[in-house]
N, C-alpha and C. Protein backbone atom coordinates (compact mmCIF):
# COMPACT_ATOMS: atom_id res chain seq x y z
N UNK A 1 0.82 -1.20 0.00
CA UNK A 1 0.00 0.00 0.00
C UNK A 1 0.86 1.26 0.00
N UNK A 2 1.99 1.23 0.71
CA UNK A 2 2.83 2.40 0.77
C UNK A 2 3.35 2.80 -0.61
N UNK A 3 3.68 1.80 -1.45
CA UNK A 3 4.14 2.10 -2.81
C UNK A 3 3.06 2.81 -3.60
N UNK A 4 1.81 2.37 -3.45
CA UNK A 4 0.71 3.03 -4.14
C UNK A 4 0.54 4.46 -3.65
N UNK A 5 0.70 4.68 -2.35
CA UNK A 5 0.58 6.03 -1.82
C UNK A 5 1.66 6.93 -2.40
N UNK A 6 2.88 6.42 -2.52
CA UNK A 6 3.96 7.24 -3.07
C UNK A 6 3.74 7.51 -4.55
N UNK A 7 3.22 6.54 -5.28
CA UNK A 7 3.00 6.69 -6.72
C UNK A 7 1.88 7.69 -6.98
N UNK A 8 0.81 7.61 -6.21
CA UNK A 8 -0.37 8.44 -6.46
C UNK A 8 -0.53 9.57 -5.45
N UNK A 9 0.33 9.65 -4.45
CA UNK A 9 0.37 10.73 -3.45
C UNK A 9 -0.82 10.73 -2.49
N UNK A 10 -1.68 9.74 -2.59
CA UNK A 10 -2.81 9.58 -1.66
C UNK A 10 -3.06 8.07 -1.51
N UNK A 11 -3.67 7.66 -0.39
CA UNK A 11 -4.06 6.25 -0.29
C UNK A 11 -4.99 5.88 -1.45
N UNK A 12 -4.78 4.74 -2.06
CA UNK A 12 -5.57 4.33 -3.22
C UNK A 12 -6.10 2.93 -2.96
N UNK A 13 -7.41 2.77 -2.97
CA UNK A 13 -8.01 1.49 -2.66
C UNK A 13 -8.42 0.70 -3.89
N UNK A 14 -8.39 1.32 -5.04
CA UNK A 14 -8.80 0.62 -6.26
C UNK A 14 -8.39 1.41 -7.48
N UNK A 15 -8.64 0.82 -8.65
CA UNK A 15 -8.28 1.45 -9.92
C UNK A 15 -9.50 1.54 -10.82
N UNK A 16 -9.57 2.61 -11.58
CA UNK A 16 -10.64 2.74 -12.57
C UNK A 16 -10.34 1.81 -13.74
N UNK A 17 -11.31 1.61 -14.62
CA UNK A 17 -11.10 0.79 -15.81
C UNK A 17 -9.97 1.36 -16.67
N UNK A 18 -9.92 2.68 -16.80
CA UNK A 18 -8.88 3.33 -17.59
C UNK A 18 -7.49 3.10 -16.98
N UNK A 19 -7.39 3.23 -15.66
CA UNK A 19 -6.12 2.99 -14.98
C UNK A 19 -5.69 1.53 -15.14
N UNK A 20 -6.63 0.61 -14.98
CA UNK A 20 -6.28 -0.81 -15.13
C UNK A 20 -5.79 -1.10 -16.55
N UNK A 21 -6.45 -0.54 -17.55
CA UNK A 21 -6.02 -0.74 -18.93
C UNK A 21 -4.61 -0.20 -19.13
N UNK A 22 -4.33 0.96 -18.59
CA UNK A 22 -3.01 1.56 -18.73
C UNK A 22 -1.92 0.66 -18.13
N UNK A 23 -2.16 0.15 -16.93
CA UNK A 23 -1.14 -0.64 -16.25
C UNK A 23 -1.04 -2.07 -16.78
N UNK A 24 -2.08 -2.59 -17.40
CA UNK A 24 -2.07 -3.98 -17.84
C UNK A 24 -1.85 -4.17 -19.33
N UNK A 25 -2.12 -3.17 -20.16
CA UNK A 25 -1.94 -3.29 -21.60
C UNK A 25 -0.52 -2.91 -21.99
N UNK A 26 0.38 -3.87 -21.89
CA UNK A 26 1.81 -3.65 -22.14
C UNK A 26 2.12 -4.11 -23.56
N UNK A 27 2.78 -3.26 -24.37
CA UNK A 27 3.09 -3.64 -25.75
C UNK A 27 4.57 -3.97 -25.97
N UNK A 28 5.40 -3.75 -24.99
CA UNK A 28 6.84 -4.02 -25.03
C UNK A 28 7.57 -3.24 -26.13
N UNK A 29 6.96 -2.16 -26.59
CA UNK A 29 7.62 -1.21 -27.50
C UNK A 29 7.60 0.18 -26.86
N UNK A 30 6.40 0.68 -26.62
CA UNK A 30 6.30 2.00 -26.00
C UNK A 30 5.93 1.91 -24.52
N UNK A 31 5.57 0.71 -24.07
CA UNK A 31 5.23 0.50 -22.66
C UNK A 31 5.76 -0.88 -22.26
N UNK A 32 6.81 -0.86 -21.44
CA UNK A 32 7.48 -2.09 -21.02
C UNK A 32 7.36 -2.22 -19.51
N UNK A 33 7.06 -3.42 -19.05
CA UNK A 33 7.01 -3.70 -17.61
C UNK A 33 7.89 -4.91 -17.32
N UNK A 34 8.65 -4.84 -16.23
CA UNK A 34 9.49 -5.96 -15.83
C UNK A 34 9.28 -6.21 -14.33
N UNK A 35 9.60 -7.42 -13.91
CA UNK A 35 9.55 -7.72 -12.47
C UNK A 35 10.88 -8.32 -12.06
N UNK A 36 11.22 -8.15 -10.80
CA UNK A 36 12.41 -8.77 -10.21
C UNK A 36 11.92 -9.88 -9.30
N UNK A 37 12.36 -11.10 -9.59
CA UNK A 37 11.97 -12.26 -8.79
C UNK A 37 13.15 -12.78 -7.99
N UNK A 38 12.85 -13.32 -6.82
CA UNK A 38 13.87 -14.01 -6.03
C UNK A 38 13.28 -15.35 -5.59
N UNK A 39 14.15 -16.29 -5.27
CA UNK A 39 13.70 -17.56 -4.72
C UNK A 39 13.66 -17.43 -3.21
N UNK A 40 12.53 -17.77 -2.64
CA UNK A 40 12.35 -17.69 -1.19
C UNK A 40 11.60 -18.94 -0.74
N UNK A 41 12.25 -19.74 0.07
CA UNK A 41 11.66 -20.98 0.57
C UNK A 41 11.20 -21.88 -0.58
N UNK A 42 12.00 -21.95 -1.65
CA UNK A 42 11.70 -22.83 -2.77
C UNK A 42 10.64 -22.35 -3.73
N UNK A 43 10.22 -21.10 -3.61
CA UNK A 43 9.22 -20.56 -4.55
C UNK A 43 9.64 -19.18 -5.01
N UNK A 44 9.14 -18.78 -6.17
CA UNK A 44 9.46 -17.45 -6.71
C UNK A 44 8.59 -16.40 -6.04
N UNK A 45 9.22 -15.30 -5.67
CA UNK A 45 8.53 -14.18 -5.04
C UNK A 45 8.90 -12.92 -5.80
N UNK A 46 7.92 -12.08 -6.10
CA UNK A 46 8.21 -10.81 -6.76
C UNK A 46 8.77 -9.85 -5.72
N UNK A 47 9.99 -9.37 -5.97
CA UNK A 47 10.68 -8.48 -5.04
C UNK A 47 10.61 -7.02 -5.50
N UNK A 48 10.26 -6.80 -6.76
CA UNK A 48 10.18 -5.43 -7.27
C UNK A 48 9.77 -5.43 -8.72
N UNK A 49 9.76 -4.25 -9.29
CA UNK A 49 9.37 -4.13 -10.69
C UNK A 49 9.74 -2.78 -11.25
N UNK A 50 9.57 -2.67 -12.54
CA UNK A 50 9.89 -1.41 -13.21
C UNK A 50 9.04 -1.20 -14.45
N UNK A 51 9.00 0.03 -14.90
CA UNK A 51 8.25 0.41 -16.11
C UNK A 51 9.05 1.40 -16.91
N UNK A 52 8.89 1.28 -18.21
CA UNK A 52 9.47 2.21 -19.19
C UNK A 52 8.32 2.59 -20.11
N UNK A 53 7.99 3.88 -20.16
CA UNK A 53 6.84 4.32 -20.93
C UNK A 53 7.25 5.49 -21.82
N UNK A 54 6.94 5.38 -23.12
CA UNK A 54 7.14 6.49 -24.05
C UNK A 54 5.92 7.39 -23.92
N UNK A 55 6.16 8.61 -23.47
CA UNK A 55 5.07 9.57 -23.28
C UNK A 55 4.71 10.22 -24.61
N UNK A 56 5.72 10.63 -25.33
CA UNK A 56 5.59 11.17 -26.70
C UNK A 56 6.98 11.13 -27.31
N UNK A 57 7.10 11.42 -28.56
CA UNK A 57 8.38 11.35 -29.24
C UNK A 57 9.44 12.16 -28.47
N UNK A 58 10.52 11.50 -28.11
CA UNK A 58 11.60 12.18 -27.41
C UNK A 58 11.43 12.27 -25.90
N UNK A 59 10.29 11.80 -25.37
CA UNK A 59 10.05 11.85 -23.91
C UNK A 59 9.67 10.47 -23.39
N UNK A 60 10.39 10.04 -22.38
CA UNK A 60 10.13 8.75 -21.76
C UNK A 60 10.08 8.89 -20.25
N UNK A 61 9.46 7.92 -19.63
CA UNK A 61 9.36 7.90 -18.18
C UNK A 61 9.78 6.51 -17.71
N UNK A 62 10.65 6.46 -16.70
CA UNK A 62 11.06 5.19 -16.12
C UNK A 62 10.84 5.24 -14.61
N UNK A 63 10.44 4.09 -14.07
CA UNK A 63 10.24 4.01 -12.62
C UNK A 63 10.53 2.59 -12.18
N UNK A 64 11.14 2.47 -11.01
CA UNK A 64 11.44 1.18 -10.41
C UNK A 64 11.03 1.20 -8.95
N UNK A 65 10.63 0.05 -8.44
CA UNK A 65 10.26 -0.05 -7.03
C UNK A 65 10.68 -1.43 -6.53
N UNK A 66 11.15 -1.46 -5.30
CA UNK A 66 11.48 -2.73 -4.65
C UNK A 66 10.64 -2.83 -3.37
N UNK A 67 10.19 -4.02 -3.08
CA UNK A 67 9.48 -4.27 -1.82
C UNK A 67 10.44 -3.93 -0.69
N UNK A 68 9.95 -3.25 0.33
CA UNK A 68 10.79 -2.78 1.43
C UNK A 68 11.72 -3.87 1.98
N UNK A 69 11.22 -5.08 2.15
CA UNK A 69 12.01 -6.15 2.74
C UNK A 69 13.22 -6.54 1.91
N UNK A 70 13.24 -6.20 0.61
CA UNK A 70 14.33 -6.59 -0.27
C UNK A 70 15.24 -5.42 -0.66
N UNK A 71 14.98 -4.25 -0.14
CA UNK A 71 15.82 -3.10 -0.46
C UNK A 71 17.18 -3.23 0.23
N UNK A 72 18.21 -2.67 -0.43
CA UNK A 72 19.54 -2.66 0.16
C UNK A 72 20.26 -3.98 0.11
N UNK A 73 19.79 -4.92 -0.71
CA UNK A 73 20.41 -6.24 -0.78
C UNK A 73 21.14 -6.47 -2.11
N UNK A 74 21.37 -5.41 -2.86
CA UNK A 74 22.13 -5.53 -4.09
C UNK A 74 21.34 -5.88 -5.33
N UNK A 75 20.05 -5.80 -5.30
CA UNK A 75 19.24 -6.15 -6.46
C UNK A 75 19.48 -5.23 -7.64
N UNK A 76 19.90 -4.00 -7.39
CA UNK A 76 20.11 -3.05 -8.47
C UNK A 76 21.53 -2.94 -8.95
N UNK A 77 22.42 -3.77 -8.44
CA UNK A 77 23.82 -3.71 -8.85
C UNK A 77 23.99 -4.23 -10.26
N UNK A 78 24.95 -3.64 -10.97
CA UNK A 78 25.22 -4.13 -12.33
C UNK A 78 26.45 -5.02 -12.35
């Protein structure tokens, strides 16, 4: 929930149809979504994610987020 509050600047309990379409309709050209997975107790767990969105020609937006419990453990190292 805290990540949603930071993204939208207010507590958010749900999404409109338009918002859901935006976040779920990924074309992997102008809108790319990735997740970071780790193995935990023999199963895959999503530890974070990122988005790359072309807003218009020459303008892009990128954002990444990690679950609090997995921050500071080197997931972003190259």
